[in-house]
């Protein structure tokens, strides 16, 4: 609600033709602006409920994600861990804000190859064994291995 109100305020002050009064042209642009924003928010909310994923809009409709995923594929800096020291406790999985199954990468001896990873290091900071860290390397650039947790009525499947 706050972002919607903020967008209307920005629209009002950014339009130099208004000068404190609404004309037919500016009213139409306001209605289109409000309609577009309502459609944007309703689509996001509908996707959250339909897919039971609080980031569904970001994953499937947001155009910015295209550039972020492309960057993630070519990134040499990724989260990695020591497979031998991992106890597979799942602490890293439970704290990952992107719902990535970090432990499955580590137990397979791989770095986190998911394009969803934002390299926030929350998993590394919460690992009780302190085996996760940022690593440099080249994984073949085009490899994307998505191991994402999906929520189903509050439970993982």
N, C-alpha and C. Protein backbone atom coordinates (compact mmCIF):
# COMPACT_ATOMS: atom_id res chain seq x y z
N UNK A 1 0.83 -1.19 0.00
CA UNK A 1 0.00 0.00 0.00
C UNK A 1 0.88 1.26 0.00
N UNK A 2 1.94 1.22 0.81
CA UNK A 2 2.83 2.39 0.86
C UNK A 2 3.54 2.62 -0.47
N UNK A 3 3.97 1.55 -1.12
CA UNK A 3 4.65 1.74 -2.41
C UNK A 3 3.68 2.26 -3.47
N UNK A 4 2.42 1.84 -3.39
CA UNK A 4 1.40 2.31 -4.33
C UNK A 4 1.14 3.80 -4.13
N UNK A 5 0.98 4.21 -2.87
CA UNK A 5 0.76 5.63 -2.57
C UNK A 5 2.00 6.44 -2.96
N UNK A 6 3.18 5.90 -2.67
CA UNK A 6 4.41 6.58 -3.05
C UNK A 6 4.51 6.78 -4.56
N UNK A 7 4.10 5.77 -5.32
CA UNK A 7 4.14 5.88 -6.79
C UNK A 7 3.19 6.96 -7.28
N UNK A 8 2.02 7.08 -6.67
CA UNK A 8 1.08 8.13 -7.07
C UNK A 8 1.65 9.52 -6.75
N UNK A 9 2.25 9.66 -5.59
CA UNK A 9 2.86 10.94 -5.21
C UNK A 9 3.98 11.30 -6.18
N UNK A 10 4.82 10.33 -6.49
CA UNK A 10 5.92 10.58 -7.45
C UNK A 10 5.34 10.96 -8.81
N UNK A 11 4.30 10.25 -9.26
CA UNK A 11 3.68 10.57 -10.54
C UNK A 11 3.17 12.01 -10.54
N UNK A 12 2.51 12.41 -9.47
CA UNK A 12 1.92 13.75 -9.40
C UNK A 12 2.99 14.83 -9.45
N UNK A 13 4.06 14.66 -8.69
CA UNK A 13 5.09 15.69 -8.65
C UNK A 13 6.04 15.62 -9.85
N UNK A 14 6.12 14.49 -10.50
CA UNK A 14 7.02 14.35 -11.65
C UNK A 14 6.41 14.86 -12.94
N UNK A 15 5.10 15.02 -12.98
CA UNK A 15 4.43 15.47 -14.19
C UNK A 15 4.38 17.01 -14.21
N UNK A 16 5.23 17.63 -15.04
CA UNK A 16 5.29 19.10 -15.04
C UNK A 16 4.05 19.75 -15.64
N UNK A 17 3.21 19.01 -16.35
CA UNK A 17 2.02 19.59 -16.97
C UNK A 17 0.87 19.78 -15.99
N UNK A 18 0.94 19.16 -14.83
CA UNK A 18 -0.18 19.24 -13.90
C UNK A 18 -0.35 20.64 -13.30
N UNK A 19 0.71 21.19 -12.76
CA UNK A 19 0.70 22.52 -12.13
C UNK A 19 -0.49 22.66 -11.18
N UNK A 20 -0.74 21.62 -10.40
CA UNK A 20 -1.78 21.69 -9.39
C UNK A 20 -3.19 21.42 -9.88
N UNK A 21 -3.39 21.12 -11.16
CA UNK A 21 -4.75 20.86 -11.64
C UNK A 21 -4.75 19.65 -12.57
N UNK A 22 -5.81 18.89 -12.53
CA UNK A 22 -5.94 17.72 -13.38
C UNK A 22 -6.71 18.08 -14.64
N UNK A 23 -6.12 17.77 -15.78
CA UNK A 23 -6.80 17.96 -17.06
C UNK A 23 -7.29 16.60 -17.54
N UNK A 24 -7.99 16.57 -18.66
CA UNK A 24 -8.49 15.31 -19.20
C UNK A 24 -7.34 14.38 -19.53
N UNK A 25 -6.28 14.93 -20.11
CA UNK A 25 -5.11 14.13 -20.48
C UNK A 25 -4.39 13.59 -19.25
N UNK A 26 -4.21 14.45 -18.25
CA UNK A 26 -3.53 13.98 -17.05
C UNK A 26 -4.41 13.03 -16.25
N UNK A 27 -5.73 13.20 -16.30
CA UNK A 27 -6.63 12.26 -15.62
C UNK A 27 -6.54 10.88 -16.25
N UNK A 28 -6.49 10.84 -17.58
CA UNK A 28 -6.36 9.56 -18.28
C UNK A 28 -5.06 8.88 -17.91
N UNK A 29 -3.96 9.65 -17.89
CA UNK A 29 -2.69 9.05 -17.53
C UNK A 29 -2.70 8.57 -16.08
N UNK A 30 -3.39 9.28 -15.20
CA UNK A 30 -3.51 8.85 -13.82
C UNK A 30 -4.30 7.55 -13.73
N UNK A 31 -5.40 7.45 -14.45
CA UNK A 31 -6.21 6.22 -14.42
C UNK A 31 -5.44 5.04 -15.00
N UNK A 32 -4.70 5.26 -16.07
CA UNK A 32 -3.89 4.19 -16.64
C UNK A 32 -2.77 3.79 -15.68
N UNK A 33 -2.19 4.77 -15.04
CA UNK A 33 -1.13 4.51 -14.06
C UNK A 33 -1.67 3.69 -12.89
N UNK A 34 -2.79 4.09 -12.34
CA UNK A 34 -3.40 3.37 -11.22
C UNK A 34 -3.83 1.97 -11.66
N UNK A 35 -4.45 1.88 -12.84
CA UNK A 35 -4.89 0.58 -13.36
C UNK A 35 -3.72 -0.37 -13.56
N UNK A 36 -2.63 0.13 -14.09
CA UNK A 36 -1.45 -0.70 -14.30
C UNK A 36 -0.86 -1.18 -12.99
N UNK A 37 -0.81 -0.30 -12.01
CA UNK A 37 -0.28 -0.69 -10.70
C UNK A 37 -1.19 -1.69 -10.00
N UNK A 38 -2.49 -1.49 -10.08
CA UNK A 38 -3.43 -2.45 -9.48
C UNK A 38 -3.27 -3.81 -10.14
N UNK A 39 -3.17 -3.84 -11.46
CA UNK A 39 -2.96 -5.10 -12.18
C UNK A 39 -1.64 -5.75 -11.76
N UNK A 40 -0.60 -4.97 -11.62
CA UNK A 40 0.71 -5.44 -11.18
C UNK A 40 0.62 -6.12 -9.81
N UNK A 41 0.00 -5.43 -8.85
CA UNK A 41 -0.10 -5.98 -7.49
C UNK A 41 -1.03 -7.19 -7.44
N UNK A 42 -2.16 -7.14 -8.13
CA UNK A 42 -3.08 -8.28 -8.12
C UNK A 42 -2.45 -9.52 -8.75
N UNK A 43 -1.69 -9.32 -9.82
CA UNK A 43 -1.00 -10.44 -10.45
C UNK A 43 0.01 -11.05 -9.49
N UNK A 44 0.77 -10.20 -8.82
CA UNK A 44 1.74 -10.69 -7.84
C UNK A 44 1.09 -11.45 -6.71
N UNK A 45 0.00 -10.93 -6.18
CA UNK A 45 -0.71 -11.58 -5.08
C UNK A 45 -1.33 -12.90 -5.55
N UNK A 46 -1.90 -12.91 -6.74
CA UNK A 46 -2.50 -14.14 -7.28
C UNK A 46 -1.44 -15.22 -7.47
N UNK A 47 -0.27 -14.85 -7.97
CA UNK A 47 0.81 -15.82 -8.16
C UNK A 47 1.29 -16.39 -6.82
N UNK A 48 1.37 -15.56 -5.81
CA UNK A 48 1.79 -16.02 -4.48
C UNK A 48 0.85 -17.11 -3.98
N UNK A 49 -0.45 -16.87 -4.10
CA UNK A 49 -1.41 -17.86 -3.61
C UNK A 49 -1.49 -19.08 -4.52
N UNK A 50 -1.44 -18.87 -5.83
CA UNK A 50 -1.56 -19.99 -6.76
C UNK A 50 -0.36 -20.93 -6.69
N UNK A 51 0.84 -20.38 -6.58
CA UNK A 51 2.05 -21.19 -6.59
C UNK A 51 2.63 -21.43 -5.21
N UNK A 52 2.01 -20.85 -4.18
CA UNK A 52 2.48 -20.98 -2.80
C UNK A 52 3.97 -20.64 -2.67
N UNK A 53 4.34 -19.56 -3.32
CA UNK A 53 5.73 -19.12 -3.35
C UNK A 53 5.72 -17.60 -3.23
N UNK A 54 6.28 -17.08 -2.15
CA UNK A 54 6.24 -15.64 -1.94
C UNK A 54 7.09 -14.85 -2.92
N UNK A 55 7.90 -15.51 -3.71
CA UNK A 55 8.70 -14.82 -4.73
C UNK A 55 8.29 -15.22 -6.15
N UNK A 56 7.07 -15.70 -6.31
CA UNK A 56 6.61 -16.18 -7.62
C UNK A 56 6.65 -15.08 -8.67
N UNK A 57 6.23 -13.88 -8.32
CA UNK A 57 6.23 -12.79 -9.29
C UNK A 57 7.65 -12.51 -9.76
N UNK A 58 8.58 -12.47 -8.81
CA UNK A 58 9.98 -12.20 -9.15
C UNK A 58 10.55 -13.28 -10.06
N UNK A 59 10.21 -14.53 -9.75
CA UNK A 59 10.77 -15.65 -10.51
C UNK A 59 10.23 -15.74 -11.93
N UNK A 60 8.94 -15.45 -12.12
CA UNK A 60 8.30 -15.77 -13.39
C UNK A 60 7.89 -14.56 -14.24
N UNK A 61 7.70 -13.39 -13.64
CA UNK A 61 7.22 -12.27 -14.43
C UNK A 61 8.11 -11.02 -14.43
N UNK A 62 8.92 -10.87 -13.41
CA UNK A 62 9.74 -9.65 -13.31
C UNK A 62 10.82 -9.63 -14.40
N UNK A 63 10.86 -8.57 -15.19
CA UNK A 63 11.86 -8.52 -16.28
C UNK A 63 13.29 -8.35 -15.77
N UNK A 64 13.48 -7.84 -14.58
CA UNK A 64 14.83 -7.64 -14.03
C UNK A 64 15.51 -8.98 -13.77
N UNK A 65 14.71 -9.99 -13.46
CA UNK A 65 15.25 -11.31 -13.15
C UNK A 65 16.07 -11.88 -14.30
N UNK A 66 15.71 -11.55 -15.51
CA UNK A 66 16.44 -12.05 -16.69
C UNK A 66 17.91 -11.65 -16.59
N UNK A 67 18.17 -10.41 -16.25
CA UNK A 67 19.54 -9.92 -16.16
C UNK A 67 20.27 -10.50 -14.94
N UNK A 68 19.54 -10.66 -13.83
CA UNK A 68 20.16 -11.22 -12.64
C UNK A 68 20.55 -12.68 -12.85
N UNK A 69 19.68 -13.46 -13.50
CA UNK A 69 19.99 -14.87 -13.74
C UNK A 69 21.15 -15.01 -14.72
N UNK A 70 21.22 -14.14 -15.71
CA UNK A 70 22.32 -14.17 -16.66
C UNK A 70 23.64 -13.89 -15.94
N UNK A 71 23.64 -12.90 -15.05
CA UNK A 71 24.83 -12.58 -14.28
C UNK A 71 25.24 -13.76 -13.40
N UNK A 72 24.25 -14.41 -12.81
CA UNK A 72 24.54 -15.54 -11.91
C UNK A 72 25.18 -16.70 -12.67
N UNK A 73 24.79 -16.92 -13.90
CA UNK A 73 25.36 -18.03 -14.67
C UNK A 73 26.85 -17.84 -14.93
N UNK A 74 27.26 -16.61 -15.14
CA UNK A 74 28.65 -16.34 -15.49
C UNK A 74 29.51 -15.93 -14.30
N UNK A 75 28.91 -15.86 -13.13
CA UNK A 75 29.64 -15.43 -11.94
C UNK A 75 30.67 -16.46 -11.53
N UNK A 76 31.86 -16.00 -11.23
CA UNK A 76 32.91 -16.89 -10.74
C UNK A 76 32.88 -16.98 -9.22
N UNK A 77 32.21 -16.03 -8.56
CA UNK A 77 32.12 -15.99 -7.11
C UNK A 77 30.82 -16.67 -6.67
N UNK A 78 30.94 -17.81 -6.01
CA UNK A 78 29.77 -18.57 -5.57
C UNK A 78 30.03 -19.18 -4.20
N UNK A 79 28.96 -19.61 -3.57
CA UNK A 79 29.06 -20.26 -2.26
C UNK A 79 29.51 -21.71 -2.47
N UNK A 80 30.47 -22.11 -1.68
CA UNK A 80 30.97 -23.49 -1.73
C UNK A 80 31.23 -23.99 -0.33
N UNK A 81 31.36 -25.29 -0.19
CA UNK A 81 31.60 -25.86 1.13
C UNK A 81 32.40 -27.14 1.06
N UNK A 82 32.87 -27.59 2.21
CA UNK A 82 33.65 -28.80 2.32
C UNK A 82 32.73 -29.99 2.52
N UNK A 83 32.64 -30.83 1.53
CA UNK A 83 31.75 -31.99 1.53
C UNK A 83 32.08 -32.95 2.67
N UNK A 84 33.35 -33.09 2.98
CA UNK A 84 33.78 -34.04 4.02
C UNK A 84 33.36 -33.59 5.42
N UNK A 85 33.28 -32.28 5.64
CA UNK A 85 32.97 -31.76 6.97
C UNK A 85 31.48 -31.46 7.16
N UNK A 86 30.70 -31.55 6.09
CA UNK A 86 29.27 -31.23 6.16
C UNK A 86 28.53 -32.34 6.91
N UNK A 87 27.74 -31.95 7.89
CA UNK A 87 26.95 -32.91 8.67
C UNK A 87 25.54 -33.04 8.12
N UNK A 88 25.23 -32.31 7.07
CA UNK A 88 23.91 -32.31 6.43
C UNK A 88 22.79 -32.00 7.43
N UNK A 89 23.06 -31.00 8.29
CA UNK A 89 22.09 -30.61 9.32
C UNK A 89 20.93 -29.80 8.76
N UNK A 90 21.13 -29.17 7.60
CA UNK A 90 20.06 -28.41 6.96
C UNK A 90 19.92 -26.98 7.45
N UNK A 91 20.83 -26.53 8.31
CA UNK A 91 20.76 -25.16 8.81
C UNK A 91 20.85 -24.15 7.67
N UNK A 92 21.70 -24.43 6.71
CA UNK A 92 21.87 -23.52 5.57
C UNK A 92 20.60 -23.46 4.72
N UNK A 93 19.92 -24.60 4.58
CA UNK A 93 18.69 -24.64 3.80
C UNK A 93 17.58 -23.83 4.47
N UNK A 94 17.51 -23.92 5.78
CA UNK A 94 16.41 -23.28 6.49
C UNK A 94 16.54 -21.76 6.55
N UNK A 95 17.75 -21.23 6.44
CA UNK A 95 17.93 -19.77 6.52
C UNK A 95 18.07 -19.10 5.16
N UNK A 96 18.20 -19.86 4.09
CA UNK A 96 18.39 -19.26 2.76
C UNK A 96 17.14 -18.47 2.36
N UNK A 97 17.30 -17.15 2.12
CA UNK A 97 16.14 -16.34 1.75
C UNK A 97 15.61 -16.66 0.35
N UNK A 98 16.40 -17.36 -0.44
CA UNK A 98 15.97 -17.71 -1.79
C UNK A 98 15.48 -19.15 -1.88
N UNK A 99 15.35 -19.81 -0.74
CA UNK A 99 14.85 -21.19 -0.66
C UNK A 99 15.67 -22.19 -1.46
N UNK A 100 16.98 -22.00 -1.48
CA UNK A 100 17.87 -22.91 -2.19
C UNK A 100 18.28 -24.04 -1.25
N UNK A 101 18.35 -25.23 -1.77
CA UNK A 101 18.82 -26.39 -0.99
C UNK A 101 20.34 -26.41 -1.04
N UNK A 102 20.95 -25.56 -0.26
CA UNK A 102 22.40 -25.40 -0.25
C UNK A 102 23.09 -26.70 0.13
N UNK A 103 22.55 -27.42 1.11
CA UNK A 103 23.19 -28.65 1.59
C UNK A 103 23.31 -29.71 0.50
N UNK A 104 22.37 -29.74 -0.42
CA UNK A 104 22.46 -30.76 -1.49
C UNK A 104 23.62 -30.48 -2.43
N UNK A 105 23.96 -29.22 -2.65
CA UNK A 105 25.13 -28.88 -3.45
C UNK A 105 26.40 -29.31 -2.73
N UNK A 106 26.46 -29.00 -1.43
CA UNK A 106 27.66 -29.30 -0.64
C UNK A 106 27.88 -30.80 -0.57
N UNK A 107 26.83 -31.56 -0.28
CA UNK A 107 26.99 -33.02 -0.16
C UNK A 107 27.33 -33.67 -1.50
N UNK A 108 27.01 -32.99 -2.60
CA UNK A 108 27.41 -33.48 -3.93
C UNK A 108 28.80 -32.99 -4.33
N UNK A 109 29.42 -32.20 -3.47
CA UNK A 109 30.75 -31.67 -3.77
C UNK A 109 30.75 -30.55 -4.80
N UNK A 110 29.63 -29.84 -4.91
CA UNK A 110 29.51 -28.75 -5.88
C UNK A 110 29.38 -27.41 -5.16
N UNK A 111 29.66 -26.36 -5.90
CA UNK A 111 29.34 -25.03 -5.42
C UNK A 111 27.87 -24.77 -5.74
N UNK A 112 27.27 -23.77 -5.11
CA UNK A 112 25.86 -23.46 -5.36
C UNK A 112 25.74 -22.90 -6.78
N UNK A 113 25.14 -23.69 -7.66
CA UNK A 113 25.03 -23.33 -9.07
C UNK A 113 23.66 -22.77 -9.44
N UNK A 114 22.81 -22.57 -8.46
CA UNK A 114 21.48 -22.04 -8.72
C UNK A 114 21.56 -20.57 -9.13
N UNK A 115 20.82 -20.21 -10.15
CA UNK A 115 20.78 -18.80 -10.56
C UNK A 115 19.94 -17.98 -9.60
N UNK A 116 19.27 -18.63 -8.66
CA UNK A 116 18.50 -17.92 -7.64
C UNK A 116 19.39 -17.36 -6.54
N UNK A 117 20.61 -17.88 -6.39
CA UNK A 117 21.51 -17.47 -5.31
C UNK A 117 21.92 -16.01 -5.48
N UNK A 118 21.73 -15.23 -4.42
CA UNK A 118 22.09 -13.81 -4.44
C UNK A 118 23.39 -13.56 -3.68
N UNK A 119 24.08 -14.61 -3.31
CA UNK A 119 25.37 -14.56 -2.63
C UNK A 119 25.30 -13.65 -1.40
N UNK A 120 24.25 -13.79 -0.63
CA UNK A 120 24.08 -12.98 0.58
C UNK A 120 24.89 -13.52 1.75
N UNK A 121 25.34 -14.76 1.65
CA UNK A 121 26.15 -15.45 2.64
C UNK A 121 25.41 -15.76 3.94
N UNK A 122 24.09 -15.70 3.93
CA UNK A 122 23.31 -16.06 5.12
C UNK A 122 23.56 -17.52 5.48
N UNK A 123 23.66 -18.37 4.49
CA UNK A 123 23.93 -19.79 4.74
C UNK A 123 25.29 -19.97 5.40
N UNK A 124 26.29 -19.27 4.90
CA UNK A 124 27.64 -19.38 5.45
C UNK A 124 27.70 -18.85 6.88
N UNK A 125 27.00 -17.78 7.15
CA UNK A 125 27.00 -17.19 8.49
C UNK A 125 26.26 -18.04 9.50
N UNK A 126 25.32 -18.87 9.05
CA UNK A 126 24.53 -19.68 9.97
C UNK A 126 24.93 -21.15 10.01
N UNK A 127 25.95 -21.52 9.27
CA UNK A 127 26.41 -22.91 9.26
C UNK A 127 27.10 -23.22 10.59
N UNK A 128 26.58 -24.20 11.35
CA UNK A 128 27.19 -24.51 12.65
C UNK A 128 28.60 -25.07 12.52
N UNK A 129 28.91 -25.70 11.40
CA UNK A 129 30.25 -26.26 11.18
C UNK A 129 31.21 -25.27 10.56
N UNK A 130 30.68 -24.11 10.12
CA UNK A 130 31.49 -23.06 9.48
C UNK A 130 32.26 -23.58 8.27
N UNK A 131 31.58 -24.38 7.45
CA UNK A 131 32.25 -24.95 6.27
C UNK A 131 31.90 -24.24 4.98
N UNK A 132 30.92 -23.32 5.02
CA UNK A 132 30.50 -22.61 3.80
C UNK A 132 31.23 -21.28 3.70
N UNK A 133 31.59 -20.92 2.48
CA UNK A 133 32.29 -19.67 2.26
C UNK A 133 32.18 -19.28 0.79
N UNK A 134 32.55 -18.05 0.48
CA UNK A 134 32.60 -17.63 -0.92
C UNK A 134 33.82 -18.27 -1.57
N UNK A 135 33.63 -18.80 -2.76
CA UNK A 135 34.74 -19.42 -3.47
C UNK A 135 34.83 -18.85 -4.87
N UNK A 136 36.01 -18.84 -5.40
CA UNK A 136 36.24 -18.41 -6.78
C UNK A 136 36.44 -19.65 -7.63
N UNK A 137 35.93 -19.62 -8.83
CA UNK A 137 36.12 -20.75 -9.72
C UNK A 137 35.32 -20.60 -10.99
N UNK A 138 35.49 -21.55 -11.86
CA UNK A 138 34.79 -21.55 -13.14
C UNK A 138 34.08 -22.89 -13.26
N UNK A 139 32.76 -22.85 -13.34
CA UNK A 139 31.95 -24.07 -13.39
C UNK A 139 31.44 -24.37 -14.79
N UNK A 140 32.03 -23.83 -15.78
CA UNK A 140 31.56 -24.08 -17.13
C UNK A 140 30.60 -23.01 -17.62
N UNK A 141 30.42 -21.94 -16.87
CA UNK A 141 29.65 -20.75 -17.18
C UNK A 141 28.18 -20.99 -17.51
N UNK A 142 27.85 -22.01 -18.27
CA UNK A 142 26.46 -22.19 -18.68
C UNK A 142 25.70 -23.13 -17.75
N UNK A 143 26.36 -23.68 -16.76
CA UNK A 143 25.72 -24.63 -15.87
C UNK A 143 24.76 -23.90 -14.94
N UNK A 144 23.55 -24.38 -14.88
CA UNK A 144 22.57 -23.89 -13.89
C UNK A 144 21.91 -25.13 -13.33
N UNK A 145 22.00 -25.28 -12.05
CA UNK A 145 21.47 -26.46 -11.38
C UNK A 145 20.53 -25.95 -10.29
N UNK A 146 19.26 -25.87 -10.60
CA UNK A 146 18.28 -25.28 -9.68
C UNK A 146 17.79 -26.32 -8.68
N UNK A 147 18.16 -26.14 -7.45
CA UNK A 147 17.68 -26.99 -6.36
C UNK A 147 16.96 -26.07 -5.38
N UNK A 148 15.71 -25.84 -5.67
CA UNK A 148 14.91 -24.89 -4.92
C UNK A 148 13.90 -25.65 -4.06
N UNK A 149 13.67 -25.15 -2.84
CA UNK A 149 12.63 -25.71 -1.98
C UNK A 149 11.30 -25.11 -2.40
N UNK A 150 10.30 -25.94 -2.54
CA UNK A 150 8.96 -25.46 -2.84
C UNK A 150 8.10 -25.65 -1.61
N UNK A 151 7.34 -24.65 -1.28
CA UNK A 151 6.52 -24.69 -0.08
C UNK A 151 5.12 -25.18 -0.45
N UNK A 152 4.60 -26.08 0.36
CA UNK A 152 3.25 -26.61 0.16
C UNK A 152 2.54 -26.54 1.49
N UNK A 153 1.72 -25.53 1.67
CA UNK A 153 0.99 -25.32 2.92
C UNK A 153 1.93 -25.29 4.11
N UNK A 154 3.04 -24.62 3.96
CA UNK A 154 3.98 -24.45 5.07
C UNK A 154 5.00 -25.56 5.18
N UNK A 155 4.86 -26.64 4.43
CA UNK A 155 5.81 -27.75 4.51
C UNK A 155 6.63 -27.81 3.23
N UNK A 156 7.82 -28.35 3.34
CA UNK A 156 8.66 -28.54 2.15
C UNK A 156 8.35 -29.88 1.53
N UNK A 157 8.50 -29.96 0.23
CA UNK A 157 8.33 -31.27 -0.43
C UNK A 157 9.55 -31.59 -1.22
